[in-house]
Every structure is written in structure tokens, then in C-alpha cells.
């Protein structure tokens, strides 16, 4: 490898979270994990795409825009516990890659738990 690219493969920190390298996938359309109008839709195609990026060594994946309030039902995303039951196994698999995934503070998968798989879906 050309030595000028070596810095791309060095870790860095965002707050207390260490990102394994400087390769970042920016947000883009089509990488939203939950549907806009469907109450419990988990987009497996987008999820597989993002997981493959992490498995390929992307240090930080910024997923596509995610609504936090259902535009039709006027419910907040966290009020639909089924979504978390689907998301938890996916994030467990994602964490195995060593890649990082930011999420809004206060969410079950926030910066504090990005490095952990200890969060449990509500019953």
C-alpha cells in the first residue's frame, strides 16, 4: 500500500467512542432501516447493504435519514416496540464487525451503547 494512504486506516475518537479507521460511509437515500408509512416495516435490503459495508471494513456508517415520528399515525418511533425487537438482532450482528453506528442521544442504541450489545428490546 502506498504510505500516503496509511492514515486512513488509523483509529480516531468521537467523544469516548473509538472509530477503528477513517473510512466513513455518508448518509444516502435508500439506507433508511424503517419504512416511512409502514408501522413495523424493517427494510432488510437497506440493512443488508449497510451491514456489508461494515463487514468490508468501513469504520463508521452513517445510515440514511430516519423519521422519528410516523407521518401518518403521528406516533413516535420508540412507541413501536416491534421495531426494536427486529432491530436488536441486526445490531448484534452489526457490532460483531467492529464498525460504529451513531444514533440520537437517549435512544437504546445511542453513543453509550454503540460499543455494547447489552440493550434488551422492551417486552
Protein backbone atom coordinates (compact mmCIF):
# COMPACT_ATOMS: atom_id res chain seq x y z
CA UNK A 1 0.00 0.00 0.00
CA UNK A 2 1.16 3.50 -0.75
CA UNK A 3 2.27 5.06 2.58
CA UNK A 4 0.24 8.19 1.91
CA UNK A 5 -2.94 6.10 2.50
CA UNK A 6 -1.85 4.64 5.85
CA UNK A 7 -3.56 7.40 7.88
CA UNK A 8 -6.93 6.22 6.51
CA UNK A 9 -6.51 3.02 8.50
CA UNK A 10 -5.71 4.61 11.86
CA UNK A 11 -8.36 4.85 14.59
CA UNK A 12 -9.84 8.11 15.86
CA UNK A 13 -12.28 9.13 18.57
CA UNK A 14 -15.60 10.91 18.57
CA UNK A 15 -16.13 11.73 22.20
CA UNK A 16 -15.44 8.47 24.06
CA UNK A 17 -16.18 6.21 21.09
CA UNK A 18 -13.18 4.97 19.14
CA UNK A 19 -13.75 4.54 15.41
CA UNK A 20 -11.48 1.77 14.06
CA UNK A 21 -10.42 3.68 10.93
CA UNK A 22 -11.12 6.86 9.00
CA UNK A 23 -13.28 5.27 6.34
CA UNK A 24 -16.79 6.70 6.68
CA UNK A 25 -19.87 5.94 4.63
CA UNK A 26 -22.02 9.05 4.50
CA UNK A 27 -25.79 9.01 4.68
CA UNK A 28 -27.62 8.48 1.43
CA UNK A 29 -31.13 7.80 0.22
CA UNK A 30 -32.30 4.22 0.32
CA UNK A 31 -30.47 3.33 3.52
CA UNK A 32 -33.30 4.01 5.96
CA UNK A 33 -33.90 0.97 8.14
CA UNK A 34 -37.56 1.64 8.92
CA UNK A 35 -40.28 2.50 6.43
CA UNK A 36 -41.92 5.89 6.39
CA UNK A 37 -45.52 4.81 6.28
CA UNK A 38 -45.48 1.18 7.36
CA UNK A 39 -45.91 0.81 11.12
CA UNK A 40 -43.48 -2.11 11.56
CA UNK A 41 -41.52 -2.26 8.31
CA UNK A 42 -37.82 -3.14 8.61
CA UNK A 43 -36.01 -2.63 5.29
CA UNK A 44 -33.86 -5.75 5.06
CA UNK A 45 -32.33 -4.71 1.73
CA UNK A 46 -31.02 -1.44 3.21
CA UNK A 47 -29.95 -3.25 6.37
CA UNK A 48 -28.00 -5.85 4.38
CA UNK A 49 -26.33 -3.11 2.35
CA UNK A 50 -25.14 -1.28 5.49
CA UNK A 51 -24.03 -4.49 7.20
CA UNK A 52 -21.97 -5.42 4.14
CA UNK A 53 -20.21 -2.03 4.26
CA UNK A 54 -19.27 -2.66 7.89
CA UNK A 55 -18.10 -6.20 7.11
CA UNK A 56 -15.97 -4.75 4.31
CA UNK A 57 -14.16 -2.56 6.85
CA UNK A 58 -15.99 0.77 6.88
CA UNK A 59 -15.19 2.23 10.31
CA UNK A 60 -18.26 4.46 10.65
CA UNK A 61 -21.56 4.02 8.82
CA UNK A 62 -23.97 6.94 8.83
CA UNK A 63 -27.33 5.40 7.93
CA UNK A 64 -29.91 7.19 5.82
CA UNK A 65 -32.42 9.59 7.25
CA UNK A 66 -34.79 8.01 9.74
CA UNK A 67 -38.06 9.56 10.74
CA UNK A 68 -38.61 9.53 14.48
CA UNK A 69 -42.31 10.28 14.21
CA UNK A 70 -44.68 8.38 11.92
CA UNK A 71 -46.01 10.88 9.38
CA UNK A 72 -49.38 9.12 9.09
CA UNK A 73 -50.11 7.73 12.55
CA UNK A 74 -48.42 10.56 14.43
CA UNK A 75 -46.67 8.08 16.71
CA UNK A 76 -43.08 8.40 17.86
CA UNK A 77 -40.75 5.69 16.58
CA UNK A 78 -39.93 4.46 20.08
CA UNK A 79 -43.62 3.78 20.79
CA UNK A 80 -43.49 0.86 18.34
CA UNK A 81 -41.68 -1.82 20.36
CA UNK A 82 -41.87 -4.31 17.46
CA UNK A 83 -39.30 -2.23 15.59
CA UNK A 84 -36.80 -2.70 18.40
CA UNK A 85 -37.39 -6.45 18.51
CA UNK A 86 -36.38 -6.57 14.83
CA UNK A 87 -33.53 -4.08 15.22
CA UNK A 88 -31.79 -5.75 18.18
CA UNK A 89 -30.60 -8.94 16.39
CA UNK A 90 -29.49 -6.85 13.43
CA UNK A 91 -27.43 -4.51 15.62
CA UNK A 92 -25.91 -7.50 17.44
CA UNK A 93 -24.68 -8.75 14.05
CA UNK A 94 -23.51 -5.28 13.10
CA UNK A 95 -21.49 -4.90 16.32
CA UNK A 96 -19.56 -8.08 15.50
CA UNK A 97 -17.93 -6.20 12.59
CA UNK A 98 -16.27 -3.68 14.90
CA UNK A 99 -17.80 -0.82 12.91
CA UNK A 100 -19.62 2.01 14.63
CA UNK A 101 -23.12 3.35 14.10
CA UNK A 102 -24.19 6.69 15.58
CA UNK A 103 -27.72 7.23 16.82
CA UNK A 104 -29.54 10.06 18.61
CA UNK A 105 -28.79 10.51 22.32
CA UNK A 106 -31.30 8.77 24.53
CA UNK A 107 -32.15 6.04 22.04
CA UNK A 108 -31.49 2.48 23.13
CA UNK A 109 -28.65 2.31 20.58
CA UNK A 110 -27.09 5.66 21.41
CA UNK A 111 -23.40 6.52 21.69
CA UNK A 112 -23.28 4.93 25.14
CA UNK A 113 -24.39 1.55 23.80
CA UNK A 114 -22.86 1.70 20.34
CA UNK A 115 -19.97 -0.40 21.64
CA UNK A 116 -22.20 -2.72 23.63
CA UNK A 117 -24.87 -5.30 22.92
CA UNK A 118 -26.32 -5.22 26.42
CA UNK A 119 -29.52 -3.39 25.47
CA UNK A 120 -32.64 -5.54 25.57
CA UNK A 121 -35.78 -4.94 23.50
CA UNK A 122 -38.81 -4.00 25.62
CA UNK A 123 -41.25 -6.83 26.16
